[in-house]
């Protein structure tokens, strides 16, 4: 018997991201997860600055994805952003 097909979506977020943007970003992405019901969501992060608020936003997106039985995978992250994720000990959470 074949394994079920994996469904994937691609979306992007842009910055700079302010702390006040986080609730709206979470609401929009949760709506996307509810409509599309993906197994994997590829998030293009080329447009965000590497700062703590951006990492917070990405962690919130990953948490929202898990609540919808999905995984977020980052695409096009700058070296600085990926280093910050690593420094914060979140490499296993934000791949």
PDB file of N, CA and C in Angstrom:
ATOM      1  N   UNK A   1       0.847  -1.175   0.000  1.00  0.00           N
ATOM      2  CA  UNK A   1       0.000   0.000   0.000  1.00  0.00           C
ATOM      3  C   UNK A   1       0.888   1.231   0.000  1.00  0.00           C
ATOM      4  N   UNK A   2       0.607   2.180  -0.846  1.00  0.00           N
ATOM      5  CA  UNK A   2       1.409   3.394  -0.974  1.00  0.00           C
ATOM      6  C   UNK A   2       1.147   4.343   0.185  1.00  0.00           C
ATOM      7  N   UNK A   3       2.191   5.076   0.542  1.00  0.00           N
ATOM      8  CA  UNK A   3       2.056   6.092   1.586  1.00  0.00           C
ATOM      9  C   UNK A   3       1.205   7.240   1.052  1.00  0.00           C
ATOM     10  N   UNK A   4       0.433   7.881   1.923  1.00  0.00           N
ATOM     11  CA  UNK A   4      -0.370   9.016   1.454  1.00  0.00           C
ATOM     12  C   UNK A   4       0.537  10.142   0.954  1.00  0.00           C
ATOM     13  N   UNK A   5       0.063  10.848  -0.043  1.00  0.00           N
ATOM     14  CA  UNK A   5       0.830  11.954  -0.609  1.00  0.00           C
ATOM     15  C   UNK A   5       0.963  13.084   0.403  1.00  0.00           C
ATOM     16  N   UNK A   6       2.120  13.707   0.406  1.00  0.00           N
ATOM     17  CA  UNK A   6       2.367  14.853   1.271  1.00  0.00           C
ATOM     18  C   UNK A   6       1.901  16.106   0.545  1.00  0.00           C
ATOM     19  N   UNK A   7       1.136  16.924   1.224  1.00  0.00           N
ATOM     20  CA  UNK A   7       0.719  18.188   0.633  1.00  0.00           C
ATOM     21  C   UNK A   7       1.606  19.296   1.184  1.00  0.00           C
ATOM     22  N   UNK A   8       1.971  20.195   0.317  1.00  0.00           N
ATOM     23  CA  UNK A   8       2.871  21.284   0.713  1.00  0.00           C
ATOM     24  C   UNK A   8       2.360  22.602   0.151  1.00  0.00           C
ATOM     25  N   UNK A   9       2.661  23.659   0.870  1.00  0.00           N
ATOM     26  CA  UNK A   9       2.376  25.011   0.398  1.00  0.00           C
ATOM     27  C   UNK A   9       3.639  25.837   0.558  1.00  0.00           C
ATOM     28  N   UNK A  10       3.682  26.941  -0.143  1.00  0.00           N
ATOM     29  CA  UNK A  10       4.785  27.891  -0.039  1.00  0.00           C
ATOM     30  C   UNK A  10       4.185  29.261   0.233  1.00  0.00           C
ATOM     31  N   UNK A  11       4.746  29.962   1.206  1.00  0.00           N
ATOM     32  CA  UNK A  11       4.327  31.338   1.469  1.00  0.00           C
ATOM     33  C   UNK A  11       5.551  32.119   1.899  1.00  0.00           C
ATOM     34  N   UNK A  12       5.431  33.415   1.931  1.00  0.00           N
ATOM     35  CA  UNK A  12       6.569  34.238   2.338  1.00  0.00           C
ATOM     36  C   UNK A  12       6.117  35.270   3.358  1.00  0.00           C
ATOM     37  N   UNK A  13       7.076  35.688   4.149  1.00  0.00           N
ATOM     38  CA  UNK A  13       6.834  36.795   5.060  1.00  0.00           C
ATOM     39  C   UNK A  13       7.893  37.842   4.790  1.00  0.00           C
ATOM     40  N   UNK A  14       7.524  39.077   4.996  1.00  0.00           N
ATOM     41  CA  UNK A  14       8.405  40.198   4.694  1.00  0.00           C
ATOM     42  C   UNK A  14       8.592  41.041   5.940  1.00  0.00           C
ATOM     43  N   UNK A  15       9.655  41.785   5.965  1.00  0.00           N
ATOM     44  CA  UNK A  15       9.947  42.608   7.126  1.00  0.00           C
ATOM     45  C   UNK A  15      10.195  44.035   6.729  1.00  0.00           C
ATOM     46  N   UNK A  16      10.538  44.821   7.677  1.00  0.00           N
ATOM     47  CA  UNK A  16      10.809  44.425   9.056  1.00  0.00           C
ATOM     48  C   UNK A  16       9.519  44.030   9.782  1.00  0.00           C
ATOM     49  N   UNK A  17       9.668  43.109  10.716  1.00  0.00           N
ATOM     50  CA  UNK A  17       8.543  42.652  11.516  1.00  0.00           C
ATOM     51  C   UNK A  17       8.622  43.337  12.877  1.00  0.00           C
ATOM     52  N   UNK A  18       7.540  44.002  13.225  1.00  0.00           N
ATOM     53  CA  UNK A  18       7.463  44.637  14.547  1.00  0.00           C
ATOM     54  C   UNK A  18       6.692  43.711  15.484  1.00  0.00           C
ATOM     55  N   UNK A  19       6.951  43.835  16.762  1.00  0.00           N
ATOM     56  CA  UNK A  19       6.253  43.003  17.740  1.00  0.00           C
ATOM     57  C   UNK A  19       4.736  43.150  17.586  1.00  0.00           C
ATOM     58  N   UNK A  20       4.279  44.340  17.254  1.00  0.00           N
ATOM     59  CA  UNK A  20       2.835  44.566  17.097  1.00  0.00           C
ATOM     60  C   UNK A  20       2.265  43.840  15.867  1.00  0.00           C
ATOM     61  N   UNK A  21       3.124  43.383  14.954  1.00  0.00           N
ATOM     62  CA  UNK A  21       2.683  42.642  13.767  1.00  0.00           C
ATOM     63  C   UNK A  21       2.395  41.168  14.064  1.00  0.00           C
ATOM     64  N   UNK A  22       2.908  40.661  15.182  1.00  0.00           N
ATOM     65  CA  UNK A  22       2.853  39.223  15.448  1.00  0.00           C
ATOM     66  C   UNK A  22       1.441  38.643  15.512  1.00  0.00           C
ATOM     67  N   UNK A  23       0.496  39.263  16.210  1.00  0.00           N
ATOM     68  CA  UNK A  23      -0.852  38.665  16.238  1.00  0.00           C
ATOM     69  C   UNK A  23      -1.493  38.569  14.851  1.00  0.00           C
ATOM     70  N   UNK A  24      -1.362  39.607  14.049  1.00  0.00           N
ATOM     71  CA  UNK A  24      -1.944  39.586  12.705  1.00  0.00           C
ATOM     72  C   UNK A  24      -1.282  38.561  11.809  1.00  0.00           C
ATOM     73  N   UNK A  25       0.033  38.447  11.909  1.00  0.00           N
ATOM     74  CA  UNK A  25       0.763  37.453  11.123  1.00  0.00           C
ATOM     75  C   UNK A  25       0.296  36.049  11.493  1.00  0.00           C
ATOM     76  N   UNK A  26       0.173  35.812  12.776  1.00  0.00           N
ATOM     77  CA  UNK A  26      -0.282  34.499  13.255  1.00  0.00           C
ATOM     78  C   UNK A  26      -1.692  34.202  12.749  1.00  0.00           C
ATOM     79  N   UNK A  27      -2.580  35.166  12.807  1.00  0.00           N
ATOM     80  CA  UNK A  27      -3.955  34.981  12.336  1.00  0.00           C
ATOM     81  C   UNK A  27      -3.994  34.649  10.855  1.00  0.00           C
ATOM     82  N   UNK A  28      -3.215  35.378  10.058  1.00  0.00           N
ATOM     83  CA  UNK A  28      -3.203  35.132   8.611  1.00  0.00           C
ATOM     84  C   UNK A  28      -2.663  33.745   8.284  1.00  0.00           C
ATOM     85  N   UNK A  29      -1.584  33.355   8.948  1.00  0.00           N
ATOM     86  CA  UNK A  29      -0.983  32.052   8.653  1.00  0.00           C
ATOM     87  C   UNK A  29      -1.874  30.918   9.149  1.00  0.00           C
ATOM     88  N   UNK A  30      -2.498  31.084  10.304  1.00  0.00           N
ATOM     89  CA  UNK A  30      -3.440  30.058  10.781  1.00  0.00           C
ATOM     90  C   UNK A  30      -4.587  29.885   9.789  1.00  0.00           C
ATOM     91  N   UNK A  31      -5.075  30.982   9.243  1.00  0.00           N
ATOM     92  CA  UNK A  31      -6.115  30.901   8.218  1.00  0.00           C
ATOM     93  C   UNK A  31      -5.652  30.131   6.996  1.00  0.00           C
ATOM     94  N   UNK A  32      -4.412  30.365   6.596  1.00  0.00           N
ATOM     95  CA  UNK A  32      -3.828  29.636   5.464  1.00  0.00           C
ATOM     96  C   UNK A  32      -3.761  28.140   5.777  1.00  0.00           C
ATOM     97  N   UNK A  33      -3.305  27.782   6.980  1.00  0.00           N
ATOM     98  CA  UNK A  33      -3.219  26.373   7.368  1.00  0.00           C
ATOM     99  C   UNK A  33      -4.600  25.729   7.409  1.00  0.00           C
ATOM    100  N   UNK A  34      -5.598  26.460   7.890  1.00  0.00           N
ATOM    101  CA  UNK A  34      -6.951  25.912   7.964  1.00  0.00           C
ATOM    102  C   UNK A  34      -7.550  25.683   6.580  1.00  0.00           C
ATOM    103  N   UNK A  35      -7.292  26.607   5.657  1.00  0.00           N
ATOM    104  CA  UNK A  35      -7.830  26.471   4.297  1.00  0.00           C
ATOM    105  C   UNK A  35      -7.127  25.371   3.515  1.00  0.00           C
ATOM    106  N   UNK A  36      -5.802  25.354   3.569  1.00  0.00           N
ATOM    107  CA  UNK A  36      -5.020  24.467   2.716  1.00  0.00           C
ATOM    108  C   UNK A  36      -4.722  23.101   3.330  1.00  0.00           C
ATOM    109  N   UNK A  37      -4.673  23.021   4.654  1.00  0.00           N
ATOM    110  CA  UNK A  37      -4.380  21.785   5.380  1.00  0.00           C
ATOM    111  C   UNK A  37      -3.118  21.078   4.874  1.00  0.00           C
ATOM    112  N   UNK A  38      -1.991  21.799   4.829  1.00  0.00           N
ATOM    113  CA  UNK A  38      -0.761  21.178   4.329  1.00  0.00           C
ATOM    114  C   UNK A  38      -0.093  20.301   5.384  1.00  0.00           C
ATOM    115  N   UNK A  39       0.747  19.392   4.921  1.00  0.00           N
ATOM    116  CA  UNK A  39       1.616  18.629   5.814  1.00  0.00           C
ATOM    117  C   UNK A  39       2.904  19.408   6.077  1.00  0.00           C
ATOM    118  N   UNK A  40       3.344  20.131   5.045  1.00  0.00           N
ATOM    119  CA  UNK A  40       4.566  20.933   5.120  1.00  0.00           C
ATOM    120  C   UNK A  40       4.276  22.314   4.542  1.00  0.00           C
ATOM    121  N   UNK A  41       4.787  23.334   5.212  1.00  0.00           N
ATOM    122  CA  UNK A  41       4.654  24.710   4.724  1.00  0.00           C
ATOM    123  C   UNK A  41       6.056  25.289   4.595  1.00  0.00           C
ATOM    124  N   UNK A  42       6.445  25.629   3.381  1.00  0.00           N
ATOM    125  CA  UNK A  42       7.743  26.239   3.133  1.00  0.00           C
ATOM    126  C   UNK A  42       7.586  27.750   3.215  1.00  0.00           C
ATOM    127  N   UNK A  43       8.298  28.352   4.161  1.00  0.00           N
ATOM    128  CA  UNK A  43       8.196  29.782   4.407  1.00  0.00           C
ATOM    129  C   UNK A  43       9.441  30.479   3.872  1.00  0.00           C
ATOM    130  N   UNK A  44       9.253  31.300   2.862  1.00  0.00           N
ATOM    131  CA  UNK A  44      10.357  32.075   2.296  1.00  0.00           C
ATOM    132  C   UNK A  44      10.619  33.263   3.217  1.00  0.00           C
ATOM    133  N   UNK A  45      11.808  33.295   3.794  1.00  0.00           N
ATOM    134  CA  UNK A  45      12.161  34.334   4.763  1.00  0.00           C
ATOM    135  C   UNK A  45      13.217  35.295   4.224  1.00  0.00           C
ATOM    136  N   UNK A  46      13.371  35.336   2.902  1.00  0.00           N
ATOM    137  CA  UNK A  46      14.378  36.217   2.304  1.00  0.00           C
ATOM    138  C   UNK A  46      14.118  37.679   2.631  1.00  0.00           C
ATOM    139  N   UNK A  47      12.868  38.038   2.892  1.00  0.00           N
ATOM    140  CA  UNK A  47      12.514  39.435   3.095  1.00  0.00           C
ATOM    141  C   UNK A  47      12.490  39.901   4.534  1.00  0.00           C
ATOM    142  N   UNK A  48      13.017  39.109   5.479  1.00  0.00           N
ATOM    143  CA  UNK A  48      12.982  39.570   6.871  1.00  0.00           C
ATOM    144  C   UNK A  48      14.387  39.820   7.403  1.00  0.00           C
ATOM    145  N   UNK A  49      14.452  40.767   8.324  1.00  0.00           N
ATOM    146  CA  UNK A  49      15.718  41.105   8.959  1.00  0.00           C
ATOM    147  C   UNK A  49      16.015  40.117  10.074  1.00  0.00           C
ATOM    148  N   UNK A  50      17.294  39.797  10.272  1.00  0.00           N
ATOM    149  CA  UNK A  50      17.647  38.847  11.333  1.00  0.00           C
ATOM    150  C   UNK A  50      17.661  39.519  12.703  1.00  0.00           C
ATOM    151  N   UNK A  51      16.525  39.467  13.392  1.00  0.00           N
ATOM    152  CA  UNK A  51      16.471  40.012  14.740  1.00  0.00           C
ATOM    153  C   UNK A  51      15.590  39.126  15.606  1.00  0.00           C
ATOM    154  N   UNK A  52      15.545  39.423  16.890  1.00  0.00           N
ATOM    155  CA  UNK A  52      14.818  38.583  17.840  1.00  0.00           C
ATOM    156  C   UNK A  52      13.322  38.554  17.542  1.00  0.00           C
ATOM    157  N   UNK A  53      12.764  39.646  17.056  1.00  0.00           N
ATOM    158  CA  UNK A  53      11.332  39.671  16.747  1.00  0.00           C
ATOM    159  C   UNK A  53      11.034  38.735  15.573  1.00  0.00           C
ATOM    160  N   UNK A  54      11.909  38.709  14.588  1.00  0.00           N
ATOM    161  CA  UNK A  54      11.720  37.807  13.448  1.00  0.00           C
ATOM    162  C   UNK A  54      11.768  36.352  13.907  1.00  0.00           C
ATOM    163  N   UNK A  55      12.714  36.019  14.771  1.00  0.00           N
ATOM    164  CA  UNK A  55      12.812  34.648  15.275  1.00  0.00           C
ATOM    165  C   UNK A  55      11.574  34.310  16.109  1.00  0.00           C
ATOM    166  N   UNK A  56      11.101  35.251  16.900  1.00  0.00           N
ATOM    167  CA  UNK A  56       9.874  35.055  17.665  1.00  0.00           C
ATOM    168  C   UNK A  56       8.715  34.761  16.713  1.00  0.00           C
ATOM    169  N   UNK A  57       8.611  35.530  15.641  1.00  0.00           N
ATOM    170  CA  UNK A  57       7.547  35.321  14.660  1.00  0.00           C
ATOM    171  C   UNK A  57       7.639  33.929  14.054  1.00  0.00           C
ATOM    172  N   UNK A  58       8.839  33.502  13.718  1.00  0.00           N
ATOM    173  CA  UNK A  58       9.012  32.183  13.115  1.00  0.00           C
ATOM    174  C   UNK A  58       8.660  31.068  14.092  1.00  0.00           C
ATOM    175  N   UNK A  59       9.003  31.245  15.351  1.00  0.00           N
ATOM    176  CA  UNK A  59       8.628  30.254  16.364  1.00  0.00           C
ATOM    177  C   UNK A  59       7.116  30.178  16.520  1.00  0.00           C
ATOM    178  N   UNK A  60       6.471  31.322  16.494  1.00  0.00           N
ATOM    179  CA  UNK A  60       5.006  31.339  16.594  1.00  0.00           C
ATOM    180  C   UNK A  60       4.367  30.649  15.395  1.00  0.00           C
ATOM    181  N   UNK A  61       4.961  30.854  14.208  1.00  0.00           N
ATOM    182  CA  UNK A  61       4.444  30.190  13.012  1.00  0.00           C
ATOM    183  C   UNK A  61       4.598  28.679  13.130  1.00  0.00           C
ATOM    184  N   UNK A  62       5.740  28.233  13.650  1.00  0.00           N
ATOM    185  CA  UNK A  62       5.964  26.802  13.815  1.00  0.00           C
ATOM    186  C   UNK A  62       4.954  26.217  14.812  1.00  0.00           C
ATOM    187  N   UNK A  63       4.694  26.931  15.900  1.00  0.00           N
ATOM    188  CA  UNK A  63       3.716  26.477  16.886  1.00  0.00           C
ATOM    189  C   UNK A  63       2.322  26.387  16.262  1.00  0.00           C
ATOM    190  N   UNK A  64       1.950  27.398  15.502  1.00  0.00           N
ATOM    191  CA  UNK A  64       0.645  27.377  14.826  1.00  0.00           C
ATOM    192  C   UNK A  64       0.573  26.214  13.848  1.00  0.00           C
ATOM    193  N   UNK A  65       1.659  25.963  13.139  1.00  0.00           N
ATOM    194  CA  UNK A  65       1.691  24.852  12.186  1.00  0.00           C
ATOM    195  C   UNK A  65       1.485  23.526  12.908  1.00  0.00           C
ATOM    196  N   UNK A  66       2.169  23.349  14.011  1.00  0.00           N
ATOM    197  CA  UNK A  66       2.024  22.088  14.761  1.00  0.00           C
ATOM    198  C   UNK A  66       0.598  21.881  15.220  1.00  0.00           C
ATOM    199  N   UNK A  67      -0.061  22.951  15.588  1.00  0.00           N
ATOM    200  CA  UNK A  67      -1.465  22.844  16.009  1.00  0.00           C
ATOM    201  C   UNK A  67      -2.363  22.409  14.858  1.00  0.00           C
ATOM    202  N   UNK A  68      -1.882  22.624  13.634  1.00  0.00           N
ATOM    203  CA  UNK A  68      -2.624  22.222  12.437  1.00  0.00           C
ATOM    204  C   UNK A  68      -1.999  20.986  11.781  1.00  0.00           C
ATOM    205  N   UNK A  69      -1.202  20.233  12.554  1.00  0.00           N
ATOM    206  CA  UNK A  69      -0.570  18.992  12.079  1.00  0.00           C
ATOM    207  C   UNK A  69       0.304  19.233  10.851  1.00  0.00           C
ATOM    208  N   UNK A  70       1.075  20.287  10.914  1.00  0.00           N
ATOM    209  CA  UNK A  70       1.922  20.718   9.809  1.00  0.00           C
ATOM    210  C   UNK A  70       3.319  21.040  10.347  1.00  0.00           C
ATOM    211  N   UNK A  71       4.287  21.125   9.455  1.00  0.00           N
ATOM    212  CA  UNK A  71       5.645  21.543   9.798  1.00  0.00           C
ATOM    213  C   UNK A  71       6.028  22.725   8.909  1.00  0.00           C
ATOM    214  N   UNK A  72       6.683  23.713   9.493  1.00  0.00           N
ATOM    215  CA  UNK A  72       7.205  24.843   8.715  1.00  0.00           C
ATOM    216  C   UNK A  72       8.680  24.583   8.445  1.00  0.00           C
ATOM    217  N   UNK A  73       9.081  24.788   7.210  1.00  0.00           N
ATOM    218  CA  UNK A  73      10.483  24.704   6.812  1.00  0.00           C
ATOM    219  C   UNK A  73      10.860  26.052   6.203  1.00  0.00           C
ATOM    220  N   UNK A  74      11.996  26.567   6.619  1.00  0.00           N
ATOM    221  CA  UNK A  74      12.441  27.878   6.141  1.00  0.00           C
ATOM    222  C   UNK A  74      13.140  27.750   4.792  1.00  0.00           C
ATOM    223  N   UNK A  75      12.931  28.754   3.961  1.00  0.00           N
ATOM    224  CA  UNK A  75      13.604  28.851   2.664  1.00  0.00           C
ATOM    225  C   UNK A  75      14.245  30.223   2.550  1.00  0.00           C
ATOM    226  N   UNK A  76      15.399  30.254   1.922  1.00  0.00           N
ATOM    227  CA  UNK A  76      16.096  31.496   1.571  1.00  0.00           C
ATOM    228  C   UNK A  76      16.448  32.365   2.763  1.00  0.00           C
ATOM    229  N   UNK A  77      16.711  31.740   3.892  1.00  0.00           N
ATOM    230  CA  UNK A  77      17.147  32.501   5.066  1.00  0.00           C
ATOM    231  C   UNK A  77      18.570  32.997   4.878  1.00  0.00           C
ATOM    232  N   UNK A  78      18.814  34.214   5.297  1.00  0.00           N
ATOM    233  CA  UNK A  78      20.177  34.735   5.218  1.00  0.00           C
ATOM    234  C   UNK A  78      21.057  34.000   6.224  1.00  0.00           C
ATOM    235  N   UNK A  79      22.336  34.047   5.979  1.00  0.00           N
ATOM    236  CA  UNK A  79      23.273  33.415   6.908  1.00  0.00           C
ATOM    237  C   UNK A  79      23.111  34.004   8.307  1.00  0.00           C
ATOM    238  N   UNK A  80      22.891  35.318   8.378  1.00  0.00           N
ATOM    239  CA  UNK A  80      22.733  35.984   9.667  1.00  0.00           C
ATOM    240  C   UNK A  80      21.491  35.492  10.411  1.00  0.00           C
ATOM    241  N   UNK A  81      20.387  35.317   9.684  1.00  0.00           N
ATOM    242  CA  UNK A  81      19.167  34.825  10.313  1.00  0.00           C
ATOM    243  C   UNK A  81      19.358  33.401  10.828  1.00  0.00           C
ATOM    244  N   UNK A  82      19.956  32.551  10.019  1.00  0.00           N
ATOM    245  CA  UNK A  82      20.164  31.163  10.425  1.00  0.00           C
ATOM    246  C   UNK A  82      21.143  31.066  11.592  1.00  0.00           C
ATOM    247  N   UNK A  83      22.141  31.945  11.628  1.00  0.00           N
ATOM    248  CA  UNK A  83      23.067  31.978  12.765  1.00  0.00           C
ATOM    249  C   UNK A  83      22.348  32.420  14.042  1.00  0.00           C
ATOM    250  N   UNK A  84      21.443  33.383  13.920  1.00  0.00           N
ATOM    251  CA  UNK A  84      20.679  33.842  15.076  1.00  0.00           C
ATOM    252  C   UNK A  84      19.771  32.730  15.598  1.00  0.00           C
ATOM    253  N   UNK A  85      19.137  32.013  14.692  1.00  0.00           N
ATOM    254  CA  UNK A  85      18.303  30.878  15.085  1.00  0.00           C
ATOM    255  C   UNK A  85      19.152  29.856  15.841  1.00  0.00           C
ATOM    256  N   UNK A  86      20.338  29.592  15.340  1.00  0.00           N
ATOM    257  CA  UNK A  86      21.246  28.646  16.001  1.00  0.00           C
ATOM    258  C   UNK A  86      21.686  29.169  17.361  1.00  0.00           C
ATOM    259  N   UNK A  87      22.055  30.436  17.431  1.00  0.00           N
ATOM    260  CA  UNK A  87      22.490  31.047  18.685  1.00  0.00           C
ATOM    261  C   UNK A  87      21.402  30.954  19.754  1.00  0.00           C
ATOM    262  N   UNK A  88      20.161  31.082  19.329  1.00  0.00           N
ATOM    263  CA  UNK A  88      19.036  31.032  20.260  1.00  0.00           C
ATOM    264  C   UNK A  88      18.631  29.591  20.598  1.00  0.00           C
ATOM    265  N   UNK A  89      19.349  28.608  20.045  1.00  0.00           N
ATOM    266  CA  UNK A  89      19.076  27.217  20.337  1.00  0.00           C
ATOM    267  C   UNK A  89      17.813  26.677  19.690  1.00  0.00           C
ATOM    268  N   UNK A  90      17.437  27.247  18.550  1.00  0.00           N
ATOM    269  CA  UNK A  90      16.160  26.888  17.917  1.00  0.00           C
ATOM    270  C   UNK A  90      16.328  26.170  16.584  1.00  0.00           C
ATOM    271  N   UNK A  91      17.521  25.666  16.321  1.00  0.00           N
ATOM    272  CA  UNK A  91      17.775  25.016  15.037  1.00  0.00           C
ATOM    273  C   UNK A  91      16.857  23.814  14.812  1.00  0.00           C
ATOM    274  N   UNK A  92      16.589  23.040  15.862  1.00  0.00           N
ATOM    275  CA  UNK A  92      15.725  21.878  15.714  1.00  0.00           C
ATOM    276  C   UNK A  92      14.254  22.287  15.524  1.00  0.00           C
ATOM    277  N   UNK A  93      13.901  23.464  15.997  1.00  0.00           N
ATOM    278  CA  UNK A  93      12.526  23.943  15.856  1.00  0.00           C
ATOM    279  C   UNK A  93      12.324  24.594  14.493  1.00  0.00           C
ATOM    280  N   UNK A  94      13.319  25.386  14.075  1.00  0.00           N
ATOM    281  CA  UNK A  94      13.228  26.134  12.804  1.00  0.00           C
ATOM    282  C   UNK A  94      14.286  25.618  11.837  1.00  0.00           C
ATOM    283  N   UNK A  95      13.929  24.701  11.028  1.00  0.00           N
ATOM    284  CA  UNK A  95      14.878  24.116  10.069  1.00  0.00           C
ATOM    285  C   UNK A  95      14.849  24.885   8.780  1.00  0.00           C
TER     286      UNK A  95
END
